[in-house]
PDB file of N, CA and C in Angstrom:
ATOM      1  N   MET A   1     220.749 -81.395  31.541  1.00  0.00           N
ATOM      2  CA  MET A   1     219.514 -81.003  30.882  1.00  0.00           C
ATOM      3  C   MET A   1     219.715 -81.109  29.371  1.00  0.00           C
ATOM      4  N   ALA A   2     218.707 -81.575  28.702  1.00  0.00           N
ATOM      5  CA  ALA A   2     218.751 -81.726  27.250  1.00  0.00           C
ATOM      6  C   ALA A   2     217.954 -80.605  26.590  1.00  0.00           C
ATOM      7  N   LYS A   3     218.255 -80.362  25.328  1.00  0.00           N
ATOM      8  CA  LYS A   3     217.502 -79.384  24.545  1.00  0.00           C
ATOM      9  C   LYS A   3     216.573 -80.118  23.602  1.00  0.00           C
ATOM     10  N   TYR A   4     215.395 -79.524  23.400  1.00  0.00           N
ATOM     11  CA  TYR A   4     214.379 -80.096  22.527  1.00  0.00           C
ATOM     12  C   TYR A   4     213.823 -78.992  21.632  1.00  0.00           C
ATOM     13  N   LEU A   5     213.586 -79.334  20.387  1.00  0.00           N
ATOM     14  CA  LEU A   5     212.940 -78.416  19.457  1.00  0.00           C
ATOM     15  C   LEU A   5     211.488 -78.855  19.313  1.00  0.00           C
ATOM     16  N   ILE A   6     210.590 -77.940  19.560  1.00  0.00           N
ATOM     17  CA  ILE A   6     209.164 -78.188  19.387  1.00  0.00           C
ATOM     18  C   ILE A   6     208.756 -77.504  18.099  1.00  0.00           C
ATOM     19  N   LEU A   7     208.409 -78.298  17.091  1.00  0.00           N
ATOM     20  CA  LEU A   7     207.998 -77.772  15.793  1.00  0.00           C
ATOM     21  C   LEU A   7     206.475 -77.751  15.729  1.00  0.00           C
ATOM     22  N   ILE A   8     205.930 -76.603  15.412  1.00  0.00           N
ATOM     23  CA  ILE A   8     204.477 -76.447  15.306  1.00  0.00           C
ATOM     24  C   ILE A   8     204.132 -76.431  13.826  1.00  0.00           C
ATOM     25  N   HIS A   9     203.299 -77.382  13.404  1.00  0.00           N
ATOM     26  CA  HIS A   9     202.958 -77.455  11.990  1.00  0.00           C
ATOM     27  C   HIS A   9     201.450 -77.546  11.830  1.00  0.00           C
ATOM     28  N   GLY A  10     201.000 -77.139  10.660  1.00  0.00           N
ATOM     29  CA  GLY A  10     199.572 -77.200  10.393  1.00  0.00           C
ATOM     30  C   GLY A  10     199.241 -76.683   9.006  1.00  0.00           C
ATOM     31  N   ASP A  11     197.964 -76.563   8.764  1.00  0.00           N
ATOM     32  CA  ASP A  11     197.430 -76.097   7.488  1.00  0.00           C
ATOM     33  C   ASP A  11     197.405 -74.564   7.511  1.00  0.00           C
ATOM     34  N   GLU A  12     198.265 -73.947   6.711  1.00  0.00           N
ATOM     35  CA  GLU A  12     198.376 -72.482   6.714  1.00  0.00           C
ATOM     36  C   GLU A  12     197.069 -71.799   6.311  1.00  0.00           C
ATOM     37  N   ARG A  13     196.293 -72.428   5.441  1.00  0.00           N
ATOM     38  CA  ARG A  13     195.006 -71.826   5.044  1.00  0.00           C
ATOM     39  C   ARG A  13     194.065 -71.760   6.231  1.00  0.00           C
ATOM     40  N   GLN A  14     194.075 -72.791   7.052  1.00  0.00           N
ATOM     41  CA  GLN A  14     193.206 -72.786   8.226  1.00  0.00           C
ATOM     42  C   GLN A  14     193.709 -71.796   9.269  1.00  0.00           C
ATOM     43  N   TRP A  15     195.037 -71.679   9.414  1.00  0.00           N
ATOM     44  CA  TRP A  15     195.561 -70.662  10.331  1.00  0.00           C
ATOM     45  C   TRP A  15     195.126 -69.271   9.881  1.00  0.00           C
ATOM     46  N   ALA A  16     195.204 -68.999   8.579  1.00  0.00           N
ATOM     47  CA  ALA A  16     194.844 -67.682   8.049  1.00  0.00           C
ATOM     48  C   ALA A  16     193.357 -67.388   8.204  1.00  0.00           C
ATOM     49  N   ALA A  17     192.537 -68.425   8.232  1.00  0.00           N
ATOM     50  CA  ALA A  17     191.081 -68.254   8.319  1.00  0.00           C
ATOM     51  C   ALA A  17     190.566 -68.260   9.758  1.00  0.00           C
ATOM     52  N   MET A  18     191.452 -68.283  10.735  1.00  0.00           N
ATOM     53  CA  MET A  18     191.021 -68.348  12.137  1.00  0.00           C
ATOM     54  C   MET A  18     190.216 -67.108  12.526  1.00  0.00           C
ATOM     55  N   SER A  19     189.191 -67.324  13.322  1.00  0.00           N
ATOM     56  CA  SER A  19     188.391 -66.209  13.841  1.00  0.00           C
ATOM     57  C   SER A  19     189.175 -65.498  14.943  1.00  0.00           C
ATOM     58  N   GLN A  20     188.715 -64.326  15.316  1.00  0.00           N
ATOM     59  CA  GLN A  20     189.352 -63.583  16.410  1.00  0.00           C
ATOM     60  C   GLN A  20     189.344 -64.412  17.699  1.00  0.00           C
ATOM     61  N   GLN A  21     188.259 -65.120  17.934  1.00  0.00           N
ATOM     62  CA  GLN A  21     188.146 -65.953  19.131  1.00  0.00           C
ATOM     63  C   GLN A  21     189.169 -67.093  19.103  1.00  0.00           C
ATOM     64  N   GLU A  22     189.334 -67.733  17.944  1.00  0.00           N
ATOM     65  CA  GLU A  22     190.321 -68.801  17.820  1.00  0.00           C
ATOM     66  C   GLU A  22     191.739 -68.269  18.011  1.00  0.00           C
ATOM     67  N   MET A  23     192.020 -67.092  17.437  1.00  0.00           N
ATOM     68  CA  MET A  23     193.341 -66.490  17.601  1.00  0.00           C
ATOM     69  C   MET A  23     193.609 -66.150  19.065  1.00  0.00           C
ATOM     70  N   ARG A  24     192.589 -65.683  19.760  1.00  0.00           N
ATOM     71  CA  ARG A  24     192.723 -65.361  21.182  1.00  0.00           C
ATOM     72  C   ARG A  24     193.031 -66.648  21.974  1.00  0.00           C
ATOM     73  N   LYS A  25     192.306 -67.728  21.676  1.00  0.00           N
ATOM     74  CA  LYS A  25     192.562 -69.014  22.344  1.00  0.00           C
ATOM     75  C   LYS A  25     193.991 -69.486  22.072  1.00  0.00           C
ATOM     76  N   ARG A  26     194.412 -69.362  20.825  1.00  0.00           N
ATOM     77  CA  ARG A  26     195.777 -69.763  20.460  1.00  0.00           C
ATOM     78  C   ARG A  26     196.805 -68.949  21.237  1.00  0.00           C
ATOM     79  N   ASP A  27     196.611 -67.632  21.257  1.00  0.00           N
ATOM     80  CA  ASP A  27     197.561 -66.758  21.949  1.00  0.00           C
ATOM     81  C   ASP A  27     197.591 -67.036  23.449  1.00  0.00           C
ATOM     82  N   GLU A  28     196.418 -67.295  24.043  1.00  0.00           N
ATOM     83  CA  GLU A  28     196.354 -67.623  25.470  1.00  0.00           C
ATOM     84  C   GLU A  28     197.075 -68.934  25.760  1.00  0.00           C
ATOM     85  N   ALA A  29     196.906 -69.922  24.867  1.00  0.00           N
ATOM     86  CA  ALA A  29     197.574 -71.207  25.065  1.00  0.00           C
ATOM     87  C   ALA A  29     199.090 -71.054  24.973  1.00  0.00           C
ATOM     88  N   HIS A  30     199.564 -70.237  24.040  1.00  0.00           N
ATOM     89  CA  HIS A  30     201.007 -70.013  23.934  1.00  0.00           C
ATOM     90  C   HIS A  30     201.511 -69.263  25.160  1.00  0.00           C
ATOM     91  N   GLY A  31     200.718 -68.319  25.669  1.00  0.00           N
ATOM     92  CA  GLY A  31     201.093 -67.623  26.893  1.00  0.00           C
ATOM     93  C   GLY A  31     201.179 -68.569  28.078  1.00  0.00           C
ATOM     94  N   ALA A  32     200.223 -69.496  28.177  1.00  0.00           N
ATOM     95  CA  ALA A  32     200.228 -70.480  29.260  1.00  0.00           C
ATOM     96  C   ALA A  32     201.432 -71.407  29.138  1.00  0.00           C
ATOM     97  N   PHE A  33     201.761 -71.800  27.916  1.00  0.00           N
ATOM     98  CA  PHE A  33     202.940 -72.638  27.685  1.00  0.00           C
ATOM     99  C   PHE A  33     204.195 -71.913  28.155  1.00  0.00           C
ATOM    100  N   CYS A  34     204.362 -70.665  27.734  1.00  0.00           N
ATOM    101  CA  CYS A  34     205.564 -69.895  28.099  1.00  0.00           C
ATOM    102  C   CYS A  34     205.638 -69.655  29.604  1.00  0.00           C
ATOM    103  N   ALA A  35     204.496 -69.388  30.229  1.00  0.00           N
ATOM    104  CA  ALA A  35     204.473 -69.178  31.679  1.00  0.00           C
ATOM    105  C   ALA A  35     204.865 -70.461  32.409  1.00  0.00           C
ATOM    106  N   ALA A  36     204.347 -71.595  31.957  1.00  0.00           N
ATOM    107  CA  ALA A  36     204.655 -72.873  32.603  1.00  0.00           C
ATOM    108  C   ALA A  36     206.118 -73.266  32.381  1.00  0.00           C
ATOM    109  N   ALA A  37     206.634 -72.994  31.200  1.00  0.00           N
ATOM    110  CA  ALA A  37     208.011 -73.380  30.877  1.00  0.00           C
ATOM    111  C   ALA A  37     209.021 -72.426  31.484  1.00  0.00           C
ATOM    112  N   GLY A  38     208.656 -71.160  31.638  1.00  0.00           N
ATOM    113  CA  GLY A  38     209.553 -70.171  32.235  1.00  0.00           C
ATOM    114  C   GLY A  38     210.880 -70.081  31.506  1.00  0.00           C
ATOM    115  N   PRO A  39     211.978 -70.101  32.268  1.00  0.00           N
ATOM    116  CA  PRO A  39     213.299 -69.959  31.642  1.00  0.00           C
ATOM    117  C   PRO A  39     213.743 -71.173  30.829  1.00  0.00           C
ATOM    118  N   ALA A  40     212.950 -72.240  30.822  1.00  0.00           N
ATOM    119  CA  ALA A  40     213.290 -73.394  29.977  1.00  0.00           C
ATOM    120  C   ALA A  40     213.165 -73.047  28.500  1.00  0.00           C
ATOM    121  N   VAL A  41     212.356 -72.016  28.181  1.00  0.00           N
ATOM    122  CA  VAL A  41     212.223 -71.585  26.781  1.00  0.00           C
ATOM    123  C   VAL A  41     213.470 -70.781  26.418  1.00  0.00           C
ATOM    124  N   LEU A  42     214.282 -71.335  25.538  1.00  0.00           N
ATOM    125  CA  LEU A  42     215.506 -70.673  25.100  1.00  0.00           C
ATOM    126  C   LEU A  42     215.253 -69.771  23.903  1.00  0.00           C
ATOM    127  N   ASP A  43     214.270 -70.130  23.084  1.00  0.00           N
ATOM    128  CA  ASP A  43     213.919 -69.341  21.905  1.00  0.00           C
ATOM    129  C   ASP A  43     212.571 -69.838  21.406  1.00  0.00           C
ATOM    130  N   GLY A  44     211.907 -69.022  20.641  1.00  0.00           N
ATOM    131  CA  GLY A  44     210.656 -69.399  20.024  1.00  0.00           C
ATOM    132  C   GLY A  44     210.195 -68.294  19.097  1.00  0.00           C
ATOM    133  N   GLN A  45     209.725 -68.674  17.931  1.00  0.00           N
ATOM    134  CA  GLN A  45     209.298 -67.686  16.951  1.00  0.00           C
ATOM    135  C   GLN A  45     208.196 -68.250  16.078  1.00  0.00           C
ATOM    136  N   GLN A  46     207.341 -67.357  15.604  1.00  0.00           N
ATOM    137  CA  GLN A  46     206.380 -67.708  14.559  1.00  0.00           C
ATOM    138  C   GLN A  46     207.097 -67.484  13.233  1.00  0.00           C
ATOM    139  N   LEU A  47     206.866 -68.351  12.271  1.00  0.00           N
ATOM    140  CA  LEU A  47     207.527 -68.237  10.971  1.00  0.00           C
ATOM    141  C   LEU A  47     206.592 -67.636   9.932  1.00  0.00           C
ATOM    142  N   GLU A  48     207.176 -66.992   8.941  1.00  0.00           N
ATOM    143  CA  GLU A  48     206.410 -66.504   7.802  1.00  0.00           C
ATOM    144  C   GLU A  48     205.854 -67.712   7.050  1.00  0.00           C
ATOM    145  N   PRO A  49     204.838 -67.517   6.208  1.00  0.00           N
ATOM    146  CA  PRO A  49     204.260 -68.648   5.461  1.00  0.00           C
ATOM    147  C   PRO A  49     205.297 -69.370   4.598  1.00  0.00           C
ATOM    148  N   ALA A  50     205.049 -70.646   4.363  1.00  0.00           N
ATOM    149  CA  ALA A  50     205.971 -71.469   3.572  1.00  0.00           C
ATOM    150  C   ALA A  50     206.169 -70.919   2.161  1.00  0.00           C
ATOM    151  N   ALA A  51     205.200 -70.187   1.654  1.00  0.00           N
ATOM    152  CA  ALA A  51     205.302 -69.650   0.297  1.00  0.00           C
ATOM    153  C   ALA A  51     206.492 -68.699   0.142  1.00  0.00           C
ATOM    154  N   VAL A  52     206.967 -68.101   1.221  1.00  0.00           N
ATOM    155  CA  VAL A  52     208.106 -67.185   1.129  1.00  0.00           C
ATOM    156  C   VAL A  52     209.430 -67.874   1.479  1.00  0.00           C
ATOM    157  N   ALA A  53     209.385 -69.193   1.641  1.00  0.00           N
ATOM    158  CA  ALA A  53     210.611 -69.952   1.914  1.00  0.00           C
ATOM    159  C   ALA A  53     211.503 -69.977   0.681  1.00  0.00           C
ATOM    160  N   THR A  54     212.772 -70.190   0.904  1.00  0.00           N
ATOM    161  CA  THR A  54     213.741 -70.406  -0.168  1.00  0.00           C
ATOM    162  C   THR A  54     214.414 -71.742   0.119  1.00  0.00           C
ATOM    163  N   THR A  55     214.433 -72.618  -0.870  1.00  0.00           N
ATOM    164  CA  THR A  55     215.004 -73.946  -0.702  1.00  0.00           C
ATOM    165  C   THR A  55     216.261 -74.076  -1.555  1.00  0.00           C
ATOM    166  N   LEU A  56     217.303 -74.618  -0.959  1.00  0.00           N
ATOM    167  CA  LEU A  56     218.560 -74.853  -1.668  1.00  0.00           C
ATOM    168  C   LEU A  56     218.789 -76.354  -1.784  1.00  0.00           C
ATOM    169  N   ARG A  57     219.146 -76.796  -2.987  1.00  0.00           N
ATOM    170  CA  ARG A  57     219.474 -78.200  -3.238  1.00  0.00           C
ATOM    171  C   ARG A  57     220.551 -78.225  -4.308  1.00  0.00           C
ATOM    172  N   THR A  58     221.313 -79.276  -4.327  1.00  0.00           N
ATOM    173  CA  THR A  58     222.305 -79.444  -5.377  1.00  0.00           C
ATOM    174  C   THR A  58     221.655 -80.149  -6.556  1.00  0.00           C
ATOM    175  N   ASP A  59     221.858 -79.599  -7.757  1.00  0.00           N
ATOM    176  CA  ASP A  59     221.305 -80.246  -8.952  1.00  0.00           C
ATOM    177  C   ASP A  59     222.223 -81.398  -9.376  1.00  0.00           C
ATOM    178  N   PRO A  60     221.854 -82.158 -10.391  1.00  0.00           N
ATOM    179  CA  PRO A  60     222.669 -83.318 -10.803  1.00  0.00           C
ATOM    180  C   PRO A  60     224.099 -82.966 -11.217  1.00  0.00           C
ATOM    181  N   HIS A  61     224.352 -81.693 -11.505  1.00  0.00           N
ATOM    182  CA  HIS A  61     225.688 -81.271 -11.935  1.00  0.00           C
ATOM    183  C   HIS A  61     226.511 -80.701 -10.780  1.00  0.00           C
ATOM    184  N   GLY A  62     225.977 -80.794  -9.548  1.00  0.00           N
ATOM    185  CA  GLY A  62     226.705 -80.304  -8.384  1.00  0.00           C
ATOM    186  C   GLY A  62     226.557 -78.822  -8.126  1.00  0.00           C
ATOM    187  N   ARG A  63     225.711 -78.162  -8.893  1.00  0.00           N
ATOM    188  CA  ARG A  63     225.481 -76.727  -8.688  1.00  0.00           C
ATOM    189  C   ARG A  63     224.327 -76.547  -7.713  1.00  0.00           C
ATOM    190  N   VAL A  64     224.392 -75.485  -6.937  1.00  0.00           N
ATOM    191  CA  VAL A  64     223.309 -75.188  -6.005  1.00  0.00           C
ATOM    192  C   VAL A  64     222.133 -74.622  -6.785  1.00  0.00           C
ATOM    193  N   ALA A  65     220.985 -75.259  -6.617  1.00  0.00           N
ATOM    194  CA  ALA A  65     219.753 -74.791  -7.251  1.00  0.00           C
ATOM    195  C   ALA A  65     218.907 -74.106  -6.174  1.00  0.00           C
ATOM    196  N   ILE A  66     218.456 -72.913  -6.472  1.00  0.00           N
ATOM    197  CA  ILE A  66     217.646 -72.132  -5.539  1.00  0.00           C
ATOM    198  C   ILE A  66     216.211 -72.146  -6.040  1.00  0.00           C
ATOM    199  N   THR A  67     215.289 -72.522  -5.136  1.00  0.00           N
ATOM    200  CA  THR A  67     213.876 -72.603  -5.489  1.00  0.00           C
ATOM    201  C   THR A  67     213.069 -71.753  -4.526  1.00  0.00           C
ATOM    202  N   ASP A  68     212.142 -70.982  -5.063  1.00  0.00           N
ATOM    203  CA  ASP A  68     211.223 -70.247  -4.194  1.00  0.00           C
ATOM    204  C   ASP A  68     210.203 -71.223  -3.642  1.00  0.00           C
ATOM    205  N   GLY A  69     209.905 -71.086  -2.366  1.00  0.00           N
ATOM    206  CA  GLY A  69     208.913 -71.941  -1.729  1.00  0.00           C
ATOM    207  C   GLY A  69     209.546 -73.130  -1.049  1.00  0.00           C
ATOM    208  N   PRO A  70     208.713 -73.916  -0.391  1.00  0.00           N
ATOM    209  CA  PRO A  70     209.233 -75.083   0.342  1.00  0.00           C
ATOM    210  C   PRO A  70     209.660 -76.188  -0.607  1.00  0.00           C
ATOM    211  N   PHE A  71     210.492 -77.094  -0.118  1.00  0.00           N
ATOM    212  CA  PHE A  71     210.959 -78.229  -0.923  1.00  0.00           C
ATOM    213  C   PHE A  71     209.795 -79.151  -1.254  1.00  0.00           C
ATOM    214  N   LEU A  72     208.992 -79.464  -0.265  1.00  0.00           N
ATOM    215  CA  LEU A  72     207.872 -80.374  -0.467  1.00  0.00           C
ATOM    216  C   LEU A  72     206.563 -79.604  -0.575  1.00  0.00           C
ATOM    217  N   GLU A  73     205.715 -80.007  -1.485  1.00  0.00           N
ATOM    218  CA  GLU A  73     204.374 -79.443  -1.577  1.00  0.00           C
ATOM    219  C   GLU A  73     203.471 -80.283  -0.683  1.00  0.00           C
ATOM    220  N   THR A  74     203.161 -79.779   0.474  1.00  0.00           N
ATOM    221  CA  THR A  74     202.323 -80.507   1.409  1.00  0.00           C
ATOM    222  C   THR A  74     201.226 -79.604   1.927  1.00  0.00           C
ATOM    223  N   LYS A  75     200.220 -80.199   2.508  1.00  0.00           N
ATOM    224  CA  LYS A  75     199.131 -79.435   3.098  1.00  0.00           C
ATOM    225  C   LYS A  75     199.597 -78.738   4.368  1.00  0.00           C
ATOM    226  N   GLU A  76     200.500 -79.394   5.106  1.00  0.00           N
ATOM    227  CA  GLU A  76     200.980 -78.844   6.358  1.00  0.00           C
ATOM    228  C   GLU A  76     202.348 -78.203   6.174  1.00  0.00           C
ATOM    229  N   ALA A  77     202.577 -77.145   6.941  1.00  0.00           N
ATOM    230  CA  ALA A  77     203.857 -76.458   6.915  1.00  0.00           C
ATOM    231  C   ALA A  77     204.255 -76.127   8.346  1.00  0.00           C
ATOM    232  N   VAL A  78     205.540 -75.959   8.578  1.00  0.00           N
ATOM    233  CA  VAL A  78     206.013 -75.525   9.890  1.00  0.00           C
ATOM    234  C   VAL A  78     205.655 -74.051  10.033  1.00  0.00           C
ATOM    235  N   GLY A  79     204.964 -73.738  11.109  1.00  0.00           N
ATOM    236  CA  GLY A  79     204.526 -72.362  11.336  1.00  0.00           C
ATOM    237  C   GLY A  79     205.258 -71.671  12.463  1.00  0.00           C
ATOM    238  N   GLY A  80     205.996 -72.427  13.256  1.00  0.00           N
ATOM    239  CA  GLY A  80     206.723 -71.832  14.362  1.00  0.00           C
ATOM    240  C   GLY A  80     207.454 -72.898  15.147  1.00  0.00           C
ATOM    241  N   TYR A  81     208.192 -72.448  16.156  1.00  0.00           N
ATOM    242  CA  TYR A  81     208.974 -73.391  16.948  1.00  0.00           C
ATOM    243  C   TYR A  81     209.265 -72.809  18.324  1.00  0.00           C
ATOM    244  N   TYR A  82     209.616 -73.686  19.226  1.00  0.00           N
ATOM    245  CA  TYR A  82     210.197 -73.330  20.516  1.00  0.00           C
ATOM    246  C   TYR A  82     211.428 -74.201  20.697  1.00  0.00           C
ATOM    247  N   LEU A  83     212.476 -73.634  21.226  1.00  0.00           N
ATOM    248  CA  LEU A  83     213.641 -74.385  21.655  1.00  0.00           C
ATOM    249  C   LEU A  83     213.627 -74.333  23.169  1.00  0.00           C
ATOM    250  N   ILE A  84     213.532 -75.496  23.795  1.00  0.00           N
ATOM    251  CA  ILE A  84     213.477 -75.503  25.258  1.00  0.00           C
ATOM    252  C   ILE A  84     214.534 -76.449  25.814  1.00  0.00           C
ATOM    253  N   GLU A  85     214.825 -76.237  27.095  1.00  0.00           N
ATOM    254  CA  GLU A  85     215.736 -77.098  27.815  1.00  0.00           C
ATOM    255  C   GLU A  85     214.933 -77.760  28.923  1.00  0.00           C
ATOM    256  N   ALA A  86     215.028 -79.070  29.017  1.00  0.00           N
ATOM    257  CA  ALA A  86     214.234 -79.800  29.996  1.00  0.00           C
ATOM    258  C   ALA A  86     214.990 -81.041  30.451  1.00  0.00           C
ATOM    259  N   PRO A  87     214.626 -81.554  31.623  1.00  0.00           N
ATOM    260  CA  PRO A  87     215.325 -82.738  32.125  1.00  0.00           C
ATOM    261  C   PRO A  87     215.044 -84.006  31.326  1.00  0.00           C
ATOM    262  N   ASP A  88     213.846 -84.086  30.702  1.00  0.00           N
ATOM    263  CA  ASP A  88     213.518 -85.289  29.951  1.00  0.00           C
ATOM    264  C   ASP A  88     212.333 -85.049  29.022  1.00  0.00           C
ATOM    265  N   LEU A  89     212.090 -86.022  28.155  1.00  0.00           N
ATOM    266  CA  LEU A  89     211.017 -85.925  27.175  1.00  0.00           C
ATOM    267  C   LEU A  89     209.647 -85.805  27.843  1.00  0.00           C
ATOM    268  N   ASP A  90     209.454 -86.489  28.962  1.00  0.00           N
ATOM    269  CA  ASP A  90     208.159 -86.413  29.653  1.00  0.00           C
ATOM    270  C   ASP A  90     207.812 -84.978  30.031  1.00  0.00           C
ATOM    271  N   GLU A  91     208.792 -84.227  30.481  1.00  0.00           N
ATOM    272  CA  GLU A  91     208.572 -82.816  30.837  1.00  0.00           C
ATOM    273  C   GLU A  91     208.189 -82.007  29.601  1.00  0.00           C
ATOM    274  N   VAL A  92     208.863 -82.267  28.485  1.00  0.00           N
ATOM    275  CA  VAL A  92     208.575 -81.550  27.243  1.00  0.00           C
ATOM    276  C   VAL A  92     207.162 -81.873  26.765  1.00  0.00           C
ATOM    277  N   ILE A  93     206.778 -83.126  26.834  1.00  0.00           N
ATOM    278  CA  ILE A  93     205.426 -83.527  26.425  1.00  0.00           C
ATOM    279  C   ILE A  93     204.390 -82.831  27.300  1.00  0.00           C
ATOM    280  N   SER A  94     204.637 -82.787  28.590  1.00  0.00           N
ATOM    281  CA  SER A  94     203.707 -82.118  29.507  1.00  0.00           C
ATOM    282  C   SER A  94     203.551 -80.641  29.154  1.00  0.00           C
ATOM    283  N   LEU A  95     204.648 -79.980  28.859  1.00  0.00           N
ATOM    284  CA  LEU A  95     204.590 -78.555  28.496  1.00  0.00           C
ATOM    285  C   LEU A  95     203.944 -78.361  27.131  1.00  0.00           C
ATOM    286  N   ALA A  96     204.395 -79.118  26.129  1.00  0.00           N
ATOM    287  CA  ALA A  96     203.900 -78.937  24.759  1.00  0.00           C
ATOM    288  C   ALA A  96     202.418 -79.265  24.638  1.00  0.00           C
ATOM    289  N   SER A  97     201.901 -80.101  25.511  1.00  0.00           N
ATOM    290  CA  SER A  97     200.477 -80.445  25.482  1.00  0.00           C
ATOM    291  C   SER A  97     199.586 -79.235  25.702  1.00  0.00           C
ATOM    292  N   ARG A  98     200.146 -78.158  26.232  1.00  0.00           N
ATOM    293  CA  ARG A  98     199.391 -76.934  26.483  1.00  0.00           C
ATOM    294  C   ARG A  98     199.180 -76.109  25.211  1.00  0.00           C
ATOM    295  N   LEU A  99     199.939 -76.394  24.176  1.00  0.00           N
ATOM    296  CA  LEU A  99     199.871 -75.587  22.957  1.00  0.00           C
ATOM    297  C   LEU A  99     198.551 -75.818  22.221  1.00  0.00           C
ATOM    298  N   TYR A 100     197.993 -74.755  21.721  1.00  0.00           N
ATOM    299  CA  TYR A 100     196.712 -74.772  20.999  1.00  0.00           C
ATOM    300  C   TYR A 100     196.740 -75.753  19.833  1.00  0.00           C
ATOM    301  N   GLU A 101     197.848 -75.790  19.138  1.00  0.00           N
ATOM    302  CA  GLU A 101     197.946 -76.585  17.912  1.00  0.00           C
ATOM    303  C   GLU A 101     197.832 -78.088  18.158  1.00  0.00           C
ATOM    304  N   VAL A 102     198.048 -78.528  19.381  1.00  0.00           N
ATOM    305  CA  VAL A 102     197.928 -79.953  19.701  1.00  0.00           C
ATOM    306  C   VAL A 102     196.491 -80.425  19.521  1.00  0.00           C
ATOM    307  N   SER A 103     195.528 -79.560  19.841  1.00  0.00           N
ATOM    308  CA  SER A 103     194.123 -79.970  19.801  1.00  0.00           C
ATOM    309  C   SER A 103     193.302 -79.251  18.735  1.00  0.00           C
ATOM    310  N   ALA A 104     193.933 -78.491  17.856  1.00  0.00           N
ATOM    311  CA  ALA A 104     193.191 -77.700  16.875  1.00  0.00           C
ATOM    312  C   ALA A 104     192.590 -78.538  15.750  1.00  0.00           C
ATOM    313  N   GLY A 105     193.064 -79.750  15.546  1.00  0.00           N
ATOM    314  CA  GLY A 105     192.497 -80.602  14.511  1.00  0.00           C
ATOM    315  C   GLY A 105     193.195 -80.493  13.169  1.00  0.00           C
ATOM    316  N   HIS A 106     193.652 -79.319  12.797  1.00  0.00           N
ATOM    317  CA  HIS A 106     194.321 -79.128  11.511  1.00  0.00           C
ATOM    318  C   HIS A 106     195.811 -78.871  11.682  1.00  0.00           C
ATOM    319  N   SER A 107     196.308 -79.104  12.884  1.00  0.00           N
ATOM    320  CA  SER A 107     197.715 -78.831  13.149  1.00  0.00           C
ATOM    321  C   SER A 107     198.238 -79.829  14.169  1.00  0.00           C
ATOM    322  N   GLY A 108     199.504 -79.728  14.478  1.00  0.00           N
ATOM    323  CA  GLY A 108     200.097 -80.623  15.446  1.00  0.00           C
ATOM    324  C   GLY A 108     201.449 -80.109  15.892  1.00  0.00           C
ATOM    325  N   VAL A 109     202.052 -80.842  16.797  1.00  0.00           N
ATOM    326  CA  VAL A 109     203.334 -80.456  17.374  1.00  0.00           C
ATOM    327  C   VAL A 109     204.267 -81.658  17.301  1.00  0.00           C
ATOM    328  N   GLU A 110     205.475 -81.427  16.843  1.00  0.00           N
ATOM    329  CA  GLU A 110     206.510 -82.462  16.785  1.00  0.00           C
ATOM    330  C   GLU A 110     207.617 -82.069  17.746  1.00  0.00           C
ATOM    331  N   ILE A 111     208.079 -83.007  18.552  1.00  0.00           N
ATOM    332  CA  ILE A 111     209.148 -82.760  19.502  1.00  0.00           C
ATOM    333  C   ILE A 111     210.364 -83.548  19.032  1.00  0.00           C
ATOM    334  N   ARG A 112     211.503 -82.842  18.906  1.00  0.00           N
ATOM    335  CA  ARG A 112     212.724 -83.507  18.469  1.00  0.00           C
ATOM    336  C   ARG A 112     213.863 -83.127  19.403  1.00  0.00           C
ATOM    337  N   PRO A 113     214.555 -84.117  19.945  1.00  0.00           N
ATOM    338  CA  PRO A 113     215.732 -83.811  20.757  1.00  0.00           C
ATOM    339  C   PRO A 113     216.820 -83.184  19.871  1.00  0.00           C
ATOM    340  N   VAL A 114     217.539 -82.237  20.439  1.00  0.00           N
ATOM    341  CA  VAL A 114     218.660 -81.621  19.748  1.00  0.00           C
ATOM    342  C   VAL A 114     219.904 -82.447  20.077  1.00  0.00           C
ATOM    343  N   VAL A 115     220.694 -82.763  19.078  1.00  0.00           N
ATOM    344  CA  VAL A 115     221.899 -83.552  19.281  1.00  0.00           C
ATOM    345  C   VAL A 115     222.908 -82.705  20.063  1.00  0.00           C
ATOM    346  N   ASP A 116     223.429 -83.284  21.114  1.00  0.00           N
ATOM    347  CA  ASP A 116     224.442 -82.612  21.943  1.00  0.00           C
ATOM    348  C   ASP A 116     225.796 -82.876  21.307  1.00  0.00           C
ATOM    349  N   GLN A 117     226.386 -81.847  20.725  1.00  0.00           N
ATOM    350  CA  GLN A 117     227.676 -81.987  20.052  1.00  0.00           C
ATOM    351  C   GLN A 117     228.849 -81.865  21.020  1.00  0.00           C
ATOM    352  N   GLY A 118     228.545 -81.555  22.301  1.00  0.00           N
ATOM    353  CA  GLY A 118     229.609 -81.338  23.287  1.00  0.00           C
ATOM    354  C   GLY A 118     230.043 -82.588  23.864  1.00  0.00           C
TER     355      GLY A 118
END
């Protein structure tokens, strides 16, 4: 079985402006995803807004530079993730298709295989 990281990204302003009904739909979709995936979900969390991120980079002199906020200024930010274990990508796509963010219009889901270091 392989591990896959499902990254949920979207427009944080639109997430913040969601109506109670939209939030309920989102929560129900995440519940359906977790129920369908069962023990395949190894971890999953919602993230704080990108504005509270801390970015580390090396400056031209080799010193670590610490910056408040995300590295890139983009409209979309990672808002959460799931780490799942599945037999193949097709299974992950089938499960991730249940997530609200796939069809919300202002967000999306990225699936990335985790490198097996073993």
